[in-house]
C-alpha atoms as a PDB file:
ATOM      1  CA  UNK A   1       6.542   1.246 -31.624  1.00  0.00           C
ATOM      2  CA  UNK A   2       3.660   2.454 -29.451  1.00  0.00           C
ATOM      3  CA  UNK A   3       3.151  -1.029 -28.026  1.00  0.00           C
ATOM      4  CA  UNK A   4       6.855  -1.328 -27.063  1.00  0.00           C
ATOM      5  CA  UNK A   5       6.729   2.002 -25.248  1.00  0.00           C
ATOM      6  CA  UNK A   6       3.567   0.945 -23.396  1.00  0.00           C
ATOM      7  CA  UNK A   7       5.173  -2.350 -22.342  1.00  0.00           C
ATOM      8  CA  UNK A   8       8.331  -0.522 -21.195  1.00  0.00           C
ATOM      9  CA  UNK A   9       6.227   1.940 -19.223  1.00  0.00           C
ATOM     10  CA  UNK A  10       4.269  -0.874 -17.575  1.00  0.00           C
ATOM     11  CA  UNK A  11       7.421  -2.800 -16.662  1.00  0.00           C
ATOM     12  CA  UNK A  12       8.943   0.399 -15.273  1.00  0.00           C
ATOM     13  CA  UNK A  13       5.834   1.009 -13.115  1.00  0.00           C
ATOM     14  CA  UNK A  14       6.023  -2.500 -11.680  1.00  0.00           C
ATOM     15  CA  UNK A  15       9.786  -2.270 -11.070  1.00  0.00           C
ATOM     16  CA  UNK A  16       9.620   1.124  -9.375  1.00  0.00           C
ATOM     17  CA  UNK A  17       6.685   0.055  -7.204  1.00  0.00           C
ATOM     18  CA  UNK A  18       8.377  -3.207  -6.235  1.00  0.00           C
ATOM     19  CA  UNK A  19      11.620  -1.383  -5.428  1.00  0.00           C
ATOM     20  CA  UNK A  20       9.823   1.190  -3.296  1.00  0.00           C
ATOM     21  CA  UNK A  21       7.950  -1.575  -1.460  1.00  0.00           C
ATOM     22  CA  UNK A  22      11.195  -3.455  -0.814  1.00  0.00           C
ATOM     23  CA  UNK A  23      12.842  -0.338   0.593  1.00  0.00           C
ATOM     24  CA  UNK A  24       9.869   0.521   2.823  1.00  0.00           C
ATOM     25  CA  UNK A  25       9.604  -3.118   3.923  1.00  0.00           C
ATOM     26  CA  UNK A  26      13.279  -3.186   4.836  1.00  0.00           C
ATOM     27  CA  UNK A  27      12.928   0.031   6.841  1.00  0.00           C
ATOM     28  CA  UNK A  28       9.932  -1.413   8.697  1.00  0.00           C
ATOM     29  CA  UNK A  29      11.857  -4.643   9.366  1.00  0.00           C
ATOM     30  CA  UNK A  30      14.824  -2.707  10.749  1.00  0.00           C
ATOM     31  CA  UNK A  31      12.517  -0.647  12.958  1.00  0.00           C
ATOM     32  CA  UNK A  32      10.904  -3.867  14.202  1.00  0.00           C
ATOM     33  CA  UNK A  33      14.355  -5.104  15.248  1.00  0.00           C
ATOM     34  CA  UNK A  34      15.584  -7.309  12.428  1.00  0.00           C
ATOM     35  CA  UNK A  35      19.213  -6.942  13.490  1.00  0.00           C
ATOM     36  CA  UNK A  36      18.562  -7.078  17.245  1.00  0.00           C
ATOM     37  CA  UNK A  37      19.387 -10.385  18.986  1.00  0.00           C
ATOM     38  CA  UNK A  38      16.223 -12.341  19.660  1.00  0.00           C
ATOM     39  CA  UNK A  39      16.803 -12.664  23.409  1.00  0.00           C
ATOM     40  CA  UNK A  40      17.064  -8.890  23.833  1.00  0.00           C
ATOM     41  CA  UNK A  41      14.064  -8.336  21.597  1.00  0.00           C
ATOM     42  CA  UNK A  42      11.943 -10.834  23.515  1.00  0.00           C
ATOM     43  CA  UNK A  43      12.759  -9.140  26.822  1.00  0.00           C
ATOM     44  CA  UNK A  44      11.994  -5.652  25.533  1.00  0.00           C
ATOM     45  CA  UNK A  45       8.726  -6.444  23.691  1.00  0.00           C
ATOM     46  CA  UNK A  46       5.918  -8.970  24.063  1.00  0.00           C
ATOM     47  CA  UNK A  47       6.724 -10.825  20.821  1.00  0.00           C
ATOM     48  CA  UNK A  48       6.096 -14.529  20.203  1.00  0.00           C
ATOM     49  CA  UNK A  49       9.582 -15.698  19.280  1.00  0.00           C
ATOM     50  CA  UNK A  50      11.722 -18.536  20.540  1.00  0.00           C
ATOM     51  CA  UNK A  51      14.774 -18.433  18.247  1.00  0.00           C
ATOM     52  CA  UNK A  52      16.586 -16.239  15.764  1.00  0.00           C
ATOM     53  CA  UNK A  53      14.830 -17.948  12.836  1.00  0.00           C
ATOM     54  CA  UNK A  54      11.341 -17.342  14.200  1.00  0.00           C
ATOM     55  CA  UNK A  55      12.267 -13.728  14.980  1.00  0.00           C
ATOM     56  CA  UNK A  56      13.390 -13.117  11.403  1.00  0.00           C
ATOM     57  CA  UNK A  57      10.292 -14.668   9.854  1.00  0.00           C
ATOM     58  CA  UNK A  58       7.996 -12.945  12.356  1.00  0.00           C
ATOM     59  CA  UNK A  59       9.460  -9.567  11.387  1.00  0.00           C
ATOM     60  CA  UNK A  60       9.471 -10.364   7.657  1.00  0.00           C
ATOM     61  CA  UNK A  61       5.825 -11.461   7.875  1.00  0.00           C
ATOM     62  CA  UNK A  62       4.778  -8.217   9.530  1.00  0.00           C
ATOM     63  CA  UNK A  63       6.780  -5.909   7.277  1.00  0.00           C
ATOM     64  CA  UNK A  64       5.695  -7.622   4.036  1.00  0.00           C
ATOM     65  CA  UNK A  65       2.056  -7.610   5.147  1.00  0.00           C
ATOM     66  CA  UNK A  66       2.122  -3.919   6.105  1.00  0.00           C
ATOM     67  CA  UNK A  67       3.703  -2.923   2.796  1.00  0.00           C
ATOM     68  CA  UNK A  68       1.358  -5.163   0.809  1.00  0.00           C
ATOM     69  CA  UNK A  69      -1.805  -3.871   2.444  1.00  0.00           C
ATOM     70  CA  UNK A  70      -0.759  -0.234   2.063  1.00  0.00           C
ATOM     71  CA  UNK A  71       0.196  -0.655  -1.599  1.00  0.00           C
ATOM     72  CA  UNK A  72      -2.959  -2.563  -2.525  1.00  0.00           C
ATOM     73  CA  UNK A  73      -5.066  -0.032  -0.596  1.00  0.00           C
ATOM     74  CA  UNK A  74      -3.562   2.864  -2.551  1.00  0.00           C
ATOM     75  CA  UNK A  75      -4.363   1.012  -5.784  1.00  0.00           C
ATOM     76  CA  UNK A  76      -7.958   0.426  -4.698  1.00  0.00           C
ATOM     77  CA  UNK A  77      -8.241   4.079  -3.661  1.00  0.00           C
ATOM     78  CA  UNK A  78      -7.179   5.130  -7.165  1.00  0.00           C
ATOM     79  CA  UNK A  79      -9.705   2.656  -8.610  1.00  0.00           C
ATOM     80  CA  UNK A  80     -12.456   4.318  -6.572  1.00  0.00           C
ATOM     81  CA  UNK A  81     -11.305   7.785  -7.643  1.00  0.00           C
ATOM     82  CA  UNK A  82     -11.276   6.712 -11.297  1.00  0.00           C
ATOM     83  CA  UNK A  83     -14.863   5.536 -10.905  1.00  0.00           C
ATOM     84  CA  UNK A  84     -15.945   8.939  -9.604  1.00  0.00           C
ATOM     85  CA  UNK A  85     -16.375   8.100  -5.940  1.00  0.00           C
ATOM     86  CA  UNK A  86     -14.927  11.436  -4.798  1.00  0.00           C
ATOM     87  CA  UNK A  87     -16.316  13.729  -7.501  1.00  0.00           C
ATOM     88  CA  UNK A  88     -19.114  15.114  -5.348  1.00  0.00           C
ATOM     89  CA  UNK A  89     -16.740  15.948  -2.486  1.00  0.00           C
ATOM     90  CA  UNK A  90     -14.244  17.685  -4.798  1.00  0.00           C
ATOM     91  CA  UNK A  91     -17.012  19.590  -6.547  1.00  0.00           C
ATOM     92  CA  UNK A  92     -18.492  20.714  -3.225  1.00  0.00           C
ATOM     93  CA  UNK A  93     -15.128  21.925  -1.935  1.00  0.00           C
ATOM     94  CA  UNK A  94     -14.439  23.800  -5.180  1.00  0.00           C
ATOM     95  CA  UNK A  95     -17.862  25.440  -5.041  1.00  0.00           C
ATOM     96  CA  UNK A  96     -17.315  26.418  -1.417  1.00  0.00           C
ATOM     97  CA  UNK A  97     -13.973  28.079  -2.137  1.00  0.00           C
ATOM     98  CA  UNK A  98     -15.371  29.758  -5.243  1.00  0.00           C
ATOM     99  CA  UNK A  99     -17.653  31.735  -2.906  1.00  0.00           C
ATOM    100  CA  UNK A 100     -14.600  33.641  -1.705  1.00  0.00           C
ATOM    101  CA  UNK A 101     -13.468  34.740  -5.184  1.00  0.00           C
ATOM    102  CA  UNK A 102     -13.757  38.354  -6.264  1.00  0.00           C
ATOM    103  CA  UNK A 103     -15.963  37.505  -9.231  1.00  0.00           C
ATOM    104  CA  UNK A 104     -18.483  34.930  -7.996  1.00  0.00           C
ATOM    105  CA  UNK A 105     -19.965  34.500 -11.494  1.00  0.00           C
ATOM    106  CA  UNK A 106     -16.580  33.408 -12.871  1.00  0.00           C
ATOM    107  CA  UNK A 107     -16.810  29.782 -11.738  1.00  0.00           C
ATOM    108  CA  UNK A 108     -15.670  27.022 -14.074  1.00  0.00           C
ATOM    109  CA  UNK A 109     -18.540  24.570 -13.488  1.00  0.00           C
ATOM    110  CA  UNK A 110     -22.034  25.848 -12.732  1.00  0.00           C
ATOM    111  CA  UNK A 111     -23.522  22.402 -11.985  1.00  0.00           C
ATOM    112  CA  UNK A 112     -22.245  19.067 -10.782  1.00  0.00           C
ATOM    113  CA  UNK A 113     -23.304  17.528 -14.079  1.00  0.00           C
ATOM    114  CA  UNK A 114     -20.900  19.846 -15.961  1.00  0.00           C
ATOM    115  CA  UNK A 115     -18.098  18.859 -13.593  1.00  0.00           C
ATOM    116  CA  UNK A 116     -18.959  15.162 -14.010  1.00  0.00           C
ATOM    117  CA  UNK A 117     -18.906  15.399 -17.828  1.00  0.00           C
ATOM    118  CA  UNK A 118     -15.564  17.235 -17.652  1.00  0.00           C
ATOM    119  CA  UNK A 119     -14.077  14.470 -15.464  1.00  0.00           C
ATOM    120  CA  UNK A 120     -15.321  11.720 -17.787  1.00  0.00           C
ATOM    121  CA  UNK A 121     -13.213  13.226 -20.553  1.00  0.00           C
ATOM    122  CA  UNK A 122     -10.043  13.151 -18.448  1.00  0.00           C
ATOM    123  CA  UNK A 123      -7.768  10.093 -18.770  1.00  0.00           C
ATOM    124  CA  UNK A 124      -7.957   7.646 -15.874  1.00  0.00           C
ATOM    125  CA  UNK A 125      -4.959   6.990 -13.631  1.00  0.00           C
ATOM    126  CA  UNK A 126      -3.400   3.523 -13.832  1.00  0.00           C
ATOM    127  CA  UNK A 127      -3.834   1.486 -10.676  1.00  0.00           C
ATOM    128  CA  UNK A 128      -3.486  -2.191 -11.498  1.00  0.00           C
ATOM    129  CA  UNK A 129       0.275  -2.284 -10.873  1.00  0.00           C
ATOM    130  CA  UNK A 130      -0.281  -1.109  -7.285  1.00  0.00           C
ATOM    131  CA  UNK A 131      -2.902  -3.764  -6.607  1.00  0.00           C
ATOM    132  CA  UNK A 132      -0.807  -6.542  -8.168  1.00  0.00           C
ATOM    133  CA  UNK A 133       2.392  -5.620  -6.318  1.00  0.00           C
ATOM    134  CA  UNK A 134       0.425  -5.247  -3.073  1.00  0.00           C
ATOM    135  CA  UNK A 135      -1.129  -8.689  -3.501  1.00  0.00           C
ATOM    136  CA  UNK A 136       2.306 -10.183  -4.261  1.00  0.00           C
ATOM    137  CA  UNK A 137       3.643  -8.754  -0.994  1.00  0.00           C
ATOM    138  CA  UNK A 138       0.613 -10.046   0.906  1.00  0.00           C
ATOM    139  CA  UNK A 139       1.260 -13.490  -0.636  1.00  0.00           C
ATOM    140  CA  UNK A 140       4.916 -13.204   0.339  1.00  0.00           C
ATOM    141  CA  UNK A 141       3.897 -12.426   3.912  1.00  0.00           C
ATOM    142  CA  UNK A 142       1.709 -15.549   3.910  1.00  0.00           C
ATOM    143  CA  UNK A 143       4.702 -17.639   2.843  1.00  0.00           C
ATOM    144  CA  UNK A 144       6.792 -16.071   5.600  1.00  0.00           C
ATOM    145  CA  UNK A 145       3.996 -16.788   8.084  1.00  0.00           C
ATOM    146  CA  UNK A 146       3.835 -20.461   7.117  1.00  0.00           C
ATOM    147  CA  UNK A 147       7.604 -20.769   7.657  1.00  0.00           C
ATOM    148  CA  UNK A 148       7.284 -18.901  10.980  1.00  0.00           C
ATOM    149  CA  UNK A 149       4.400 -21.091  12.149  1.00  0.00           C
ATOM    150  CA  UNK A 150       6.266 -24.316  11.285  1.00  0.00           C
ATOM    151  CA  UNK A 151       9.353 -23.272  13.229  1.00  0.00           C
ATOM    152  CA  UNK A 152       7.680 -21.674  16.242  1.00  0.00           C
ATOM    153  CA  UNK A 153       7.240 -23.779  19.354  1.00  0.00           C
ATOM    154  CA  UNK A 154       4.876 -22.227  21.885  1.00  0.00           C
ATOM    155  CA  UNK A 155       6.414 -21.719  25.305  1.00  0.00           C
ATOM    156  CA  UNK A 156       3.767 -23.858  27.028  1.00  0.00           C
ATOM    157  CA  UNK A 157       4.498 -26.930  24.867  1.00  0.00           C
ATOM    158  CA  UNK A 158       8.289 -26.980  25.269  1.00  0.00           C
ATOM    159  CA  UNK A 159       8.164 -29.012  28.493  1.00  0.00           C
ATOM    160  CA  UNK A 160       6.372 -31.943  26.819  1.00  0.00           C
END
């Protein structure tokens, strides 16, 4: 029963993360001008597009890459935090603010070692789902880029 609940929780994490990435990616694509005609978009911005198809794949490439990099970066940030990369900073800030308490001797951790041992006992935050979903979106942006690059004809080469 425990294993089923863990699998359900993992699937739910991946689904929620993927859904959030799709929504954010769609918002970015709309802000880039997904539904704007390509002629108007080319006149208003210096974008390398020569048809509606290249415009769509250019925008999808950018939005999927942005979402993928942000998601994978958040996962790697959690990985670093789980490893203790920010423990010294957090401990220093806590010690600094403990100086302003009424009872200075009533601090929770007297040394950094005590704080480090306390943090080792805490459960680590899951992060792998963020990295995996981020890498999937980066891969998706690479696929969109290949389609964009195959359909794009540079302006200088059209005369030949």
